[in-house]
ModelCIF file with pLDDT and N, C-alpha, C, O atoms, coordinates in Angstrom:
data_MODEL
#
_entry.id   MODEL 
#
_entity.id                         1 
_entity.type                       polymer 
_entity.pdbx_number_of_molecules   1 
#
_entity_poly.entity_id                      1 
_entity_poly.type                           'polypeptide(L)' 
_entity_poly.nstd_linkage                   no 
_entity_poly.nstd_monomer                   no 
_entity_poly.pdbx_seq_one_letter_code       
;(UNK)(UNK)(UNK)(UNK)(UNK)(UNK)(UNK)(UNK)(UNK)(UNK)(UNK)(UNK)(UNK)(UNK)(UNK)(UNK)
(UNK)(UNK)(UNK)(UNK)(UNK)(UNK)(UNK)(UNK)(UNK)(UNK)(UNK)(UNK)(UNK)(UNK)(UNK)(UNK)
(UNK)(UNK)(UNK)(UNK)(UNK)(UNK)(UNK)(UNK)(UNK)(UNK)(UNK)(UNK)(UNK)(UNK)
;
_entity_poly.pdbx_seq_one_letter_code_can   XXXXXXXXXXXXXXXXXXXXXXXXXXXXXXXXXXXXXXXXXXXXXX 
_entity_poly.pdbx_strand_id                 A 
#
loop_
_entity_poly_seq.entity_id 
_entity_poly_seq.num 
_entity_poly_seq.mon_id 
_entity_poly_seq.hetero 
1 1  UNK n 
1 2  UNK n 
1 3  UNK n 
1 4  UNK n 
1 5  UNK n 
1 6  UNK n 
1 7  UNK n 
1 8  UNK n 
1 9  UNK n 
1 10 UNK n 
1 11 UNK n 
1 12 UNK n 
1 13 UNK n 
1 14 UNK n 
1 15 UNK n 
1 16 UNK n 
1 17 UNK n 
1 18 UNK n 
1 19 UNK n 
1 20 UNK n 
1 21 UNK n 
1 22 UNK n 
1 23 UNK n 
1 24 UNK n 
1 25 UNK n 
1 26 UNK n 
1 27 UNK n 
1 28 UNK n 
1 29 UNK n 
1 30 UNK n 
1 31 UNK n 
1 32 UNK n 
1 33 UNK n 
1 34 UNK n 
1 35 UNK n 
1 36 UNK n 
1 37 UNK n 
1 38 UNK n 
1 39 UNK n 
1 40 UNK n 
1 41 UNK n 
1 42 UNK n 
1 43 UNK n 
1 44 UNK n 
1 45 UNK n 
1 46 UNK n 
#
_struct_asym.id          A 
_struct_asym.entity_id   1 
#
loop_
_ma_qa_metric.id 
_ma_qa_metric.mode 
_ma_qa_metric.name 
_ma_qa_metric.software_group_id 
_ma_qa_metric.type 
1 global pLDDT . pLDDT 
2 local  pLDDT . pLDDT 
#
_ma_qa_metric_global.metric_id      1 
_ma_qa_metric_global.metric_value   71.11 
_ma_qa_metric_global.model_id       1 
_ma_qa_metric_global.ordinal_id     1 
#
loop_
_ma_qa_metric_local.label_asym_id 
_ma_qa_metric_local.label_comp_id 
_ma_qa_metric_local.label_seq_id 
_ma_qa_metric_local.metric_id 
_ma_qa_metric_local.metric_value 
_ma_qa_metric_local.model_id 
_ma_qa_metric_local.ordinal_id 
A UNK 1  2 90.00 1 1  
A UNK 2  2 86.00 1 2  
A UNK 3  2 79.00 1 3  
A UNK 4  2 68.00 1 4  
A UNK 5  2 65.00 1 5  
A UNK 6  2 65.00 1 6  
A UNK 7  2 66.00 1 7  
A UNK 8  2 65.00 1 8  
A UNK 9  2 64.00 1 9  
A UNK 10 2 65.00 1 10 
A UNK 11 2 65.00 1 11 
A UNK 12 2 67.00 1 12 
A UNK 13 2 58.00 1 13 
A UNK 14 2 60.00 1 14 
A UNK 15 2 59.00 1 15 
A UNK 16 2 56.00 1 16 
A UNK 17 2 57.00 1 17 
A UNK 18 2 50.00 1 18 
A UNK 19 2 50.00 1 19 
A UNK 20 2 54.00 1 20 
A UNK 21 2 64.00 1 21 
A UNK 22 2 65.00 1 22 
A UNK 23 2 65.00 1 23 
A UNK 24 2 71.00 1 24 
A UNK 25 2 71.00 1 25 
A UNK 26 2 70.00 1 26 
A UNK 27 2 67.00 1 27 
A UNK 28 2 71.00 1 28 
A UNK 29 2 73.00 1 29 
A UNK 30 2 77.00 1 30 
A UNK 31 2 83.00 1 31 
A UNK 32 2 84.00 1 32 
A UNK 33 2 81.00 1 33 
A UNK 34 2 79.00 1 34 
A UNK 35 2 83.00 1 35 
A UNK 36 2 81.00 1 36 
A UNK 37 2 80.00 1 37 
A UNK 38 2 85.00 1 38 
A UNK 39 2 82.00 1 39 
A UNK 40 2 82.00 1 40 
A UNK 41 2 81.00 1 41 
A UNK 42 2 81.00 1 42 
A UNK 43 2 77.00 1 43 
A UNK 44 2 76.00 1 44 
A UNK 45 2 75.00 1 45 
A UNK 46 2 78.00 1 46 
#
loop_
_atom_site.group_PDB 
_atom_site.id 
_atom_site.type_symbol 
_atom_site.label_atom_id 
_atom_site.label_alt_id 
_atom_site.label_comp_id 
_atom_site.label_asym_id 
_atom_site.label_entity_id 
_atom_site.label_seq_id 
_atom_site.pdbx_PDB_ins_code 
_atom_site.Cartn_x 
_atom_site.Cartn_y 
_atom_site.Cartn_z 
_atom_site.occupancy 
_atom_site.B_iso_or_equiv 
_atom_site.pdbx_formal_charge 
_atom_site.auth_seq_id 
_atom_site.auth_comp_id 
_atom_site.auth_asym_id 
_atom_site.auth_atom_id 
_atom_site.pdbx_PDB_model_num 
ATOM 1   N N  . UNK A 1 1  ? -25.622 -72.635 74.542 1.00 90.00 ? 1  UNK A N  1 
ATOM 2   C CA . UNK A 1 1  ? -25.470 -71.132 75.023 1.00 90.00 ? 1  UNK A CA 1 
ATOM 3   C C  . UNK A 1 1  ? -23.925 -70.956 75.304 1.00 90.00 ? 1  UNK A C  1 
ATOM 4   O O  . UNK A 1 1  ? -23.438 -71.880 75.957 1.00 90.00 ? 1  UNK A O  1 
ATOM 5   N N  . UNK A 1 2  ? -23.143 -70.037 74.968 1.00 86.00 ? 2  UNK A N  1 
ATOM 6   C CA . UNK A 1 2  ? -21.766 -69.871 75.308 1.00 86.00 ? 2  UNK A CA 1 
ATOM 7   C C  . UNK A 1 2  ? -21.753 -68.711 76.593 1.00 86.00 ? 2  UNK A C  1 
ATOM 8   O O  . UNK A 1 2  ? -22.632 -67.861 76.740 1.00 86.00 ? 2  UNK A O  1 
ATOM 9   N N  . UNK A 1 3  ? -20.848 -68.839 77.263 1.00 79.00 ? 3  UNK A N  1 
ATOM 10  C CA . UNK A 1 3  ? -20.361 -67.904 78.407 1.00 79.00 ? 3  UNK A CA 1 
ATOM 11  C C  . UNK A 1 3  ? -19.931 -66.668 77.730 1.00 79.00 ? 3  UNK A C  1 
ATOM 12  O O  . UNK A 1 3  ? -19.259 -66.671 76.698 1.00 79.00 ? 3  UNK A O  1 
ATOM 13  N N  . UNK A 1 4  ? -20.399 -65.457 78.434 1.00 68.00 ? 4  UNK A N  1 
ATOM 14  C CA . UNK A 1 4  ? -19.869 -64.238 77.909 1.00 68.00 ? 4  UNK A CA 1 
ATOM 15  C C  . UNK A 1 4  ? -18.387 -64.292 78.235 1.00 68.00 ? 4  UNK A C  1 
ATOM 16  O O  . UNK A 1 4  ? -17.951 -64.530 79.362 1.00 68.00 ? 4  UNK A O  1 
ATOM 17  N N  . UNK A 1 5  ? -17.634 -64.047 77.140 1.00 65.00 ? 5  UNK A N  1 
ATOM 18  C CA . UNK A 1 5  ? -16.022 -63.993 77.324 1.00 65.00 ? 5  UNK A CA 1 
ATOM 19  C C  . UNK A 1 5  ? -15.562 -62.622 77.896 1.00 65.00 ? 5  UNK A C  1 
ATOM 20  O O  . UNK A 1 5  ? -16.098 -61.542 77.645 1.00 65.00 ? 5  UNK A O  1 
ATOM 21  N N  . UNK A 1 6  ? -14.480 -62.828 78.711 1.00 65.00 ? 6  UNK A N  1 
ATOM 22  C CA . UNK A 1 6  ? -13.805 -61.666 79.163 1.00 65.00 ? 6  UNK A CA 1 
ATOM 23  C C  . UNK A 1 6  ? -12.913 -60.943 78.105 1.00 65.00 ? 6  UNK A C  1 
ATOM 24  O O  . UNK A 1 6  ? -11.977 -61.549 77.584 1.00 65.00 ? 6  UNK A O  1 
ATOM 25  N N  . UNK A 1 7  ? -13.165 -59.810 77.827 1.00 66.00 ? 7  UNK A N  1 
ATOM 26  C CA . UNK A 1 7  ? -12.625 -59.078 76.692 1.00 66.00 ? 7  UNK A CA 1 
ATOM 27  C C  . UNK A 1 7  ? -11.253 -58.420 77.360 1.00 66.00 ? 7  UNK A C  1 
ATOM 28  O O  . UNK A 1 7  ? -11.180 -57.900 78.473 1.00 66.00 ? 7  UNK A O  1 
ATOM 29  N N  . UNK A 1 8  ? -10.149 -58.585 76.355 1.00 65.00 ? 8  UNK A N  1 
ATOM 30  C CA . UNK A 1 8  ? -8.914  -58.114 76.872 1.00 65.00 ? 8  UNK A CA 1 
ATOM 31  C C  . UNK A 1 8  ? -8.238  -57.395 75.546 1.00 65.00 ? 8  UNK A C  1 
ATOM 32  O O  . UNK A 1 8  ? -8.295  -57.878 74.416 1.00 65.00 ? 8  UNK A O  1 
ATOM 33  N N  . UNK A 1 9  ? -7.666  -56.302 75.848 1.00 64.00 ? 9  UNK A N  1 
ATOM 34  C CA . UNK A 1 9  ? -6.768  -55.564 74.900 1.00 64.00 ? 9  UNK A CA 1 
ATOM 35  C C  . UNK A 1 9  ? -6.057  -56.303 74.102 1.00 64.00 ? 9  UNK A C  1 
ATOM 36  O O  . UNK A 1 9  ? -5.418  -57.170 74.697 1.00 64.00 ? 9  UNK A O  1 
ATOM 37  N N  . UNK A 1 10 ? -5.907  -56.274 72.721 1.00 65.00 ? 10 UNK A N  1 
ATOM 38  C CA . UNK A 1 10 ? -4.851  -57.078 72.029 1.00 65.00 ? 10 UNK A CA 1 
ATOM 39  C C  . UNK A 1 10 ? -4.257  -56.180 71.012 1.00 65.00 ? 10 UNK A C  1 
ATOM 40  O O  . UNK A 1 10 ? -4.878  -55.193 70.618 1.00 65.00 ? 10 UNK A O  1 
ATOM 41  N N  . UNK A 1 11 ? -3.155  -56.462 70.599 1.00 65.00 ? 11 UNK A N  1 
ATOM 42  C CA . UNK A 1 11 ? -2.317  -55.585 69.599 1.00 65.00 ? 11 UNK A CA 1 
ATOM 43  C C  . UNK A 1 11 ? -2.827  -56.144 68.192 1.00 65.00 ? 11 UNK A C  1 
ATOM 44  O O  . UNK A 1 11 ? -2.675  -57.329 67.894 1.00 65.00 ? 11 UNK A O  1 
ATOM 45  N N  . UNK A 1 12 ? -3.487  -55.150 67.284 1.00 67.00 ? 12 UNK A N  1 
ATOM 46  C CA . UNK A 1 12 ? -3.999  -55.638 66.125 1.00 67.00 ? 12 UNK A CA 1 
ATOM 47  C C  . UNK A 1 12 ? -2.828  -55.982 65.225 1.00 67.00 ? 12 UNK A C  1 
ATOM 48  O O  . UNK A 1 12 ? -1.760  -55.370 65.227 1.00 67.00 ? 12 UNK A O  1 
ATOM 49  N N  . UNK A 1 13 ? -3.163  -57.140 64.367 1.00 58.00 ? 13 UNK A N  1 
ATOM 50  C CA . UNK A 1 13 ? -2.248  -57.619 63.383 1.00 58.00 ? 13 UNK A CA 1 
ATOM 51  C C  . UNK A 1 13 ? -2.013  -56.837 62.367 1.00 58.00 ? 13 UNK A C  1 
ATOM 52  O O  . UNK A 1 13 ? -2.977  -56.394 61.743 1.00 58.00 ? 13 UNK A O  1 
ATOM 53  N N  . UNK A 1 14 ? -0.711  -56.505 61.993 1.00 60.00 ? 14 UNK A N  1 
ATOM 54  C CA . UNK A 1 14 ? -0.309  -55.536 60.899 1.00 60.00 ? 14 UNK A CA 1 
ATOM 55  C C  . UNK A 1 14 ? 0.766   -56.218 60.135 1.00 60.00 ? 14 UNK A C  1 
ATOM 56  O O  . UNK A 1 14 ? 1.740   -55.547 59.791 1.00 60.00 ? 14 UNK A O  1 
ATOM 57  N N  . UNK A 1 15 ? 0.700   -57.450 59.837 1.00 59.00 ? 15 UNK A N  1 
ATOM 58  C CA . UNK A 1 15 ? 1.640   -58.244 59.091 1.00 59.00 ? 15 UNK A CA 1 
ATOM 59  C C  . UNK A 1 15 ? 0.996   -58.182 57.548 1.00 59.00 ? 15 UNK A C  1 
ATOM 60  O O  . UNK A 1 15 ? -0.093  -57.643 57.352 1.00 59.00 ? 15 UNK A O  1 
ATOM 61  N N  . UNK A 1 16 ? 1.735   -58.753 56.536 1.00 56.00 ? 16 UNK A N  1 
ATOM 62  C CA . UNK A 1 16 ? 1.371   -58.756 55.158 1.00 56.00 ? 16 UNK A CA 1 
ATOM 63  C C  . UNK A 1 16 ? 0.102   -59.783 55.217 1.00 56.00 ? 16 UNK A C  1 
ATOM 64  O O  . UNK A 1 16 ? -0.034  -60.791 55.910 1.00 56.00 ? 16 UNK A O  1 
ATOM 65  N N  . UNK A 1 17 ? -0.902  -59.120 54.134 1.00 57.00 ? 17 UNK A N  1 
ATOM 66  C CA . UNK A 1 17 ? -2.157  -59.828 53.896 1.00 57.00 ? 17 UNK A CA 1 
ATOM 67  C C  . UNK A 1 17 ? -1.831  -61.022 53.196 1.00 57.00 ? 17 UNK A C  1 
ATOM 68  O O  . UNK A 1 17 ? -0.973  -61.050 52.313 1.00 57.00 ? 17 UNK A O  1 
ATOM 69  N N  . UNK A 1 18 ? -2.579  -62.141 53.614 1.00 50.00 ? 18 UNK A N  1 
ATOM 70  C CA . UNK A 1 18 ? -2.469  -63.627 53.036 1.00 50.00 ? 18 UNK A CA 1 
ATOM 71  C C  . UNK A 1 18 ? -3.699  -63.801 52.317 1.00 50.00 ? 18 UNK A C  1 
ATOM 72  O O  . UNK A 1 18 ? -4.788  -63.772 52.889 1.00 50.00 ? 18 UNK A O  1 
ATOM 73  N N  . UNK A 1 19 ? -3.544  -64.005 50.911 1.00 50.00 ? 19 UNK A N  1 
ATOM 74  C CA . UNK A 1 19 ? -4.617  -64.267 50.126 1.00 50.00 ? 19 UNK A CA 1 
ATOM 75  C C  . UNK A 1 19 ? -5.234  -65.712 50.461 1.00 50.00 ? 19 UNK A C  1 
ATOM 76  O O  . UNK A 1 19 ? -4.615  -66.607 51.037 1.00 50.00 ? 19 UNK A O  1 
ATOM 77  N N  . UNK A 1 20 ? -6.563  -65.788 50.002 1.00 54.00 ? 20 UNK A N  1 
ATOM 78  C CA . UNK A 1 20 ? -7.259  -67.193 50.235 1.00 54.00 ? 20 UNK A CA 1 
ATOM 79  C C  . UNK A 1 20 ? -6.623  -68.216 49.321 1.00 54.00 ? 20 UNK A C  1 
ATOM 80  O O  . UNK A 1 20 ? -6.299  -67.829 48.198 1.00 54.00 ? 20 UNK A O  1 
ATOM 81  N N  . UNK A 1 21 ? -6.410  -69.430 49.649 1.00 64.00 ? 21 UNK A N  1 
ATOM 82  C CA . UNK A 1 21 ? -6.051  -70.444 48.803 1.00 64.00 ? 21 UNK A CA 1 
ATOM 83  C C  . UNK A 1 21 ? -7.233  -70.748 47.596 1.00 64.00 ? 21 UNK A C  1 
ATOM 84  O O  . UNK A 1 21 ? -6.939  -71.034 46.435 1.00 64.00 ? 21 UNK A O  1 
ATOM 85  N N  . UNK A 1 22 ? -8.479  -70.637 48.063 1.00 65.00 ? 22 UNK A N  1 
ATOM 86  C CA . UNK A 1 22 ? -9.407  -70.744 46.969 1.00 65.00 ? 22 UNK A CA 1 
ATOM 87  C C  . UNK A 1 22 ? -9.329  -69.760 45.936 1.00 65.00 ? 22 UNK A C  1 
ATOM 88  O O  . UNK A 1 22 ? -9.545  -70.076 44.766 1.00 65.00 ? 22 UNK A O  1 
ATOM 89  N N  . UNK A 1 23 ? -9.033  -68.576 46.276 1.00 65.00 ? 23 UNK A N  1 
ATOM 90  C CA . UNK A 1 23 ? -9.073  -67.488 45.397 1.00 65.00 ? 23 UNK A CA 1 
ATOM 91  C C  . UNK A 1 23 ? -7.803  -67.737 44.430 1.00 65.00 ? 23 UNK A C  1 
ATOM 92  O O  . UNK A 1 23 ? -7.907  -67.538 43.220 1.00 65.00 ? 23 UNK A O  1 
ATOM 93  N N  . UNK A 1 24 ? -6.665  -68.158 44.988 1.00 71.00 ? 24 UNK A N  1 
ATOM 94  C CA . UNK A 1 24 ? -5.659  -68.390 44.070 1.00 71.00 ? 24 UNK A CA 1 
ATOM 95  C C  . UNK A 1 24 ? -5.978  -69.650 43.025 1.00 71.00 ? 24 UNK A C  1 
ATOM 96  O O  . UNK A 1 24 ? -5.618  -69.676 41.848 1.00 71.00 ? 24 UNK A O  1 
ATOM 97  N N  . UNK A 1 25 ? -6.612  -70.523 43.604 1.00 71.00 ? 25 UNK A N  1 
ATOM 98  C CA . UNK A 1 25 ? -7.002  -71.814 42.704 1.00 71.00 ? 25 UNK A CA 1 
ATOM 99  C C  . UNK A 1 25 ? -8.090  -71.329 41.770 1.00 71.00 ? 25 UNK A C  1 
ATOM 100 O O  . UNK A 1 25 ? -8.160  -71.905 40.684 1.00 71.00 ? 25 UNK A O  1 
ATOM 101 N N  . UNK A 1 26 ? -8.955  -70.349 42.030 1.00 70.00 ? 26 UNK A N  1 
ATOM 102 C CA . UNK A 1 26 ? -9.738  -70.007 41.029 1.00 70.00 ? 26 UNK A CA 1 
ATOM 103 C C  . UNK A 1 26 ? -9.144  -69.165 39.875 1.00 70.00 ? 26 UNK A C  1 
ATOM 104 O O  . UNK A 1 26 ? -9.639  -69.181 38.748 1.00 70.00 ? 26 UNK A O  1 
ATOM 105 N N  . UNK A 1 27 ? -8.011  -68.396 40.225 1.00 67.00 ? 27 UNK A N  1 
ATOM 106 C CA . UNK A 1 27 ? -7.330  -67.745 39.139 1.00 67.00 ? 27 UNK A CA 1 
ATOM 107 C C  . UNK A 1 27 ? -6.557  -68.639 38.323 1.00 67.00 ? 27 UNK A C  1 
ATOM 108 O O  . UNK A 1 27 ? -6.526  -68.526 37.098 1.00 67.00 ? 27 UNK A O  1 
ATOM 109 N N  . UNK A 1 28 ? -5.867  -69.615 39.025 1.00 71.00 ? 28 UNK A N  1 
ATOM 110 C CA . UNK A 1 28 ? -4.987  -70.581 38.291 1.00 71.00 ? 28 UNK A CA 1 
ATOM 111 C C  . UNK A 1 28 ? -5.721  -71.681 37.451 1.00 71.00 ? 28 UNK A C  1 
ATOM 112 O O  . UNK A 1 28 ? -5.182  -72.361 36.577 1.00 71.00 ? 28 UNK A O  1 
ATOM 113 N N  . UNK A 1 29 ? -7.137  -71.762 37.876 1.00 73.00 ? 29 UNK A N  1 
ATOM 114 C CA . UNK A 1 29 ? -7.991  -72.852 36.946 1.00 73.00 ? 29 UNK A CA 1 
ATOM 115 C C  . UNK A 1 29 ? -8.267  -72.351 35.641 1.00 73.00 ? 29 UNK A C  1 
ATOM 116 O O  . UNK A 1 29 ? -8.641  -73.172 34.804 1.00 73.00 ? 29 UNK A O  1 
ATOM 117 N N  . UNK A 1 30 ? -8.136  -70.983 35.265 1.00 77.00 ? 30 UNK A N  1 
ATOM 118 C CA . UNK A 1 30 ? -8.210  -70.331 34.024 1.00 77.00 ? 30 UNK A CA 1 
ATOM 119 C C  . UNK A 1 30 ? -9.465  -70.909 33.321 1.00 77.00 ? 30 UNK A C  1 
ATOM 120 O O  . UNK A 1 30 ? -9.371  -71.639 32.334 1.00 77.00 ? 30 UNK A O  1 
ATOM 121 N N  . UNK A 1 31 ? -10.688 -70.533 33.903 1.00 83.00 ? 31 UNK A N  1 
ATOM 122 C CA . UNK A 1 31 ? -11.828 -70.901 33.339 1.00 83.00 ? 31 UNK A CA 1 
ATOM 123 C C  . UNK A 1 31 ? -12.939 -69.672 33.869 1.00 83.00 ? 31 UNK A C  1 
ATOM 124 O O  . UNK A 1 31 ? -13.148 -69.459 35.063 1.00 83.00 ? 31 UNK A O  1 
ATOM 125 N N  . UNK A 1 32 ? -13.538 -68.990 32.860 1.00 84.00 ? 32 UNK A N  1 
ATOM 126 C CA . UNK A 1 32 ? -14.339 -67.896 33.098 1.00 84.00 ? 32 UNK A CA 1 
ATOM 127 C C  . UNK A 1 32 ? -15.713 -68.365 33.936 1.00 84.00 ? 32 UNK A C  1 
ATOM 128 O O  . UNK A 1 32 ? -16.550 -69.168 33.523 1.00 84.00 ? 32 UNK A O  1 
ATOM 129 N N  . UNK A 1 33 ? -15.731 -67.686 35.169 1.00 81.00 ? 33 UNK A N  1 
ATOM 130 C CA . UNK A 1 33 ? -16.810 -67.923 36.014 1.00 81.00 ? 33 UNK A CA 1 
ATOM 131 C C  . UNK A 1 33 ? -18.104 -67.447 35.580 1.00 81.00 ? 33 UNK A C  1 
ATOM 132 O O  . UNK A 1 33 ? -19.096 -67.592 36.294 1.00 81.00 ? 33 UNK A O  1 
ATOM 133 N N  . UNK A 1 34 ? -18.152 -66.854 34.380 1.00 79.00 ? 34 UNK A N  1 
ATOM 134 C CA . UNK A 1 34 ? -19.365 -66.288 33.879 1.00 79.00 ? 34 UNK A CA 1 
ATOM 135 C C  . UNK A 1 34 ? -19.863 -67.117 32.807 1.00 79.00 ? 34 UNK A C  1 
ATOM 136 O O  . UNK A 1 34 ? -21.012 -67.552 32.873 1.00 79.00 ? 34 UNK A O  1 
ATOM 137 N N  . UNK A 1 35 ? -18.982 -67.425 31.652 1.00 83.00 ? 35 UNK A N  1 
ATOM 138 C CA . UNK A 1 35 ? -19.630 -68.114 30.387 1.00 83.00 ? 35 UNK A CA 1 
ATOM 139 C C  . UNK A 1 35 ? -18.918 -69.491 30.332 1.00 83.00 ? 35 UNK A C  1 
ATOM 140 O O  . UNK A 1 35 ? -19.281 -70.232 29.419 1.00 83.00 ? 35 UNK A O  1 
ATOM 141 N N  . UNK A 1 36 ? -18.047 -69.899 31.095 1.00 81.00 ? 36 UNK A N  1 
ATOM 142 C CA . UNK A 1 36 ? -17.256 -71.073 31.138 1.00 81.00 ? 36 UNK A CA 1 
ATOM 143 C C  . UNK A 1 36 ? -16.063 -71.238 30.251 1.00 81.00 ? 36 UNK A C  1 
ATOM 144 O O  . UNK A 1 36 ? -15.438 -72.298 30.215 1.00 81.00 ? 36 UNK A O  1 
ATOM 145 N N  . UNK A 1 37 ? -15.713 -70.080 29.461 1.00 80.00 ? 37 UNK A N  1 
ATOM 146 C CA . UNK A 1 37 ? -14.713 -70.450 28.475 1.00 80.00 ? 37 UNK A CA 1 
ATOM 147 C C  . UNK A 1 37 ? -13.378 -70.577 29.203 1.00 80.00 ? 37 UNK A C  1 
ATOM 148 O O  . UNK A 1 37 ? -13.026 -69.922 30.184 1.00 80.00 ? 37 UNK A O  1 
ATOM 149 N N  . UNK A 1 38 ? -12.644 -71.591 28.520 1.00 85.00 ? 38 UNK A N  1 
ATOM 150 C CA . UNK A 1 38 ? -11.320 -71.920 29.041 1.00 85.00 ? 38 UNK A CA 1 
ATOM 151 C C  . UNK A 1 38 ? -10.266 -70.836 28.608 1.00 85.00 ? 38 UNK A C  1 
ATOM 152 O O  . UNK A 1 38 ? -10.469 -70.272 27.533 1.00 85.00 ? 38 UNK A O  1 
ATOM 153 N N  . UNK A 1 39 ? -9.353  -70.552 29.218 1.00 82.00 ? 39 UNK A N  1 
ATOM 154 C CA . UNK A 1 39 ? -8.316  -69.787 28.944 1.00 82.00 ? 39 UNK A CA 1 
ATOM 155 C C  . UNK A 1 39 ? -7.887  -68.611 29.941 1.00 82.00 ? 39 UNK A C  1 
ATOM 156 O O  . UNK A 1 39 ? -8.492  -68.624 31.013 1.00 82.00 ? 39 UNK A O  1 
ATOM 157 N N  . UNK A 1 40 ? -6.914  -67.567 29.755 1.00 82.00 ? 40 UNK A N  1 
ATOM 158 C CA . UNK A 1 40 ? -6.748  -66.621 30.611 1.00 82.00 ? 40 UNK A CA 1 
ATOM 159 C C  . UNK A 1 40 ? -7.817  -65.926 31.101 1.00 82.00 ? 40 UNK A C  1 
ATOM 160 O O  . UNK A 1 40 ? -8.748  -65.551 30.388 1.00 82.00 ? 40 UNK A O  1 
ATOM 161 N N  . UNK A 1 41 ? -7.722  -65.694 32.508 1.00 81.00 ? 41 UNK A N  1 
ATOM 162 C CA . UNK A 1 41 ? -8.937  -64.855 33.081 1.00 81.00 ? 41 UNK A CA 1 
ATOM 163 C C  . UNK A 1 41 ? -8.443  -63.652 33.653 1.00 81.00 ? 41 UNK A C  1 
ATOM 164 O O  . UNK A 1 41 ? -7.249  -63.514 33.922 1.00 81.00 ? 41 UNK A O  1 
ATOM 165 N N  . UNK A 1 42 ? -9.371  -62.699 33.868 1.00 81.00 ? 42 UNK A N  1 
ATOM 166 C CA . UNK A 1 42 ? -9.148  -61.321 34.686 1.00 81.00 ? 42 UNK A CA 1 
ATOM 167 C C  . UNK A 1 42 ? -10.004 -61.219 35.819 1.00 81.00 ? 42 UNK A C  1 
ATOM 168 O O  . UNK A 1 42 ? -11.076 -61.822 35.774 1.00 81.00 ? 42 UNK A O  1 
ATOM 169 N N  . UNK A 1 43 ? -9.715  -60.577 36.793 1.00 77.00 ? 43 UNK A N  1 
ATOM 170 C CA . UNK A 1 43 ? -10.393 -60.172 37.964 1.00 77.00 ? 43 UNK A CA 1 
ATOM 171 C C  . UNK A 1 43 ? -11.156 -58.839 37.894 1.00 77.00 ? 43 UNK A C  1 
ATOM 172 O O  . UNK A 1 43 ? -10.681 -57.713 37.745 1.00 77.00 ? 43 UNK A O  1 
ATOM 173 N N  . UNK A 1 44 ? -12.556 -59.241 38.047 1.00 76.00 ? 44 UNK A N  1 
ATOM 174 C CA . UNK A 1 44 ? -13.356 -58.159 38.110 1.00 76.00 ? 44 UNK A CA 1 
ATOM 175 C C  . UNK A 1 44 ? -13.806 -57.808 39.617 1.00 76.00 ? 44 UNK A C  1 
ATOM 176 O O  . UNK A 1 44 ? -14.360 -58.635 40.342 1.00 76.00 ? 44 UNK A O  1 
ATOM 177 N N  . UNK A 1 45 ? -13.542 -56.640 39.963 1.00 75.00 ? 45 UNK A N  1 
ATOM 178 C CA . UNK A 1 45 ? -13.718 -56.280 41.354 1.00 75.00 ? 45 UNK A CA 1 
ATOM 179 C C  . UNK A 1 45 ? -14.683 -55.215 41.539 1.00 75.00 ? 45 UNK A C  1 
ATOM 180 O O  . UNK A 1 45 ? -14.780 -54.360 40.658 1.00 75.00 ? 45 UNK A O  1 
ATOM 181 N N  . UNK A 1 46 ? -15.558 -55.149 42.791 1.00 78.00 ? 46 UNK A N  1 
ATOM 182 C CA . UNK A 1 46 ? -16.166 -54.097 43.106 1.00 78.00 ? 46 UNK A CA 1 
ATOM 183 C C  . UNK A 1 46 ? -15.838 -53.643 44.451 1.00 78.00 ? 46 UNK A C  1 
ATOM 184 O O  . UNK A 1 46 ? -16.357 -52.622 44.902 1.00 78.00 ? 46 UNK A O  1 
#
């Protein structure tokens, strides 16, 4: 069990967004995550 922490006001981070390393690796891997075909890939977002 953890002790209940003391909350303090903080300034929200407003710097540039940093992409995940794994997401970049998935893009550079150039393999379709659906059918497995090798080659250039495109991002499908929801």
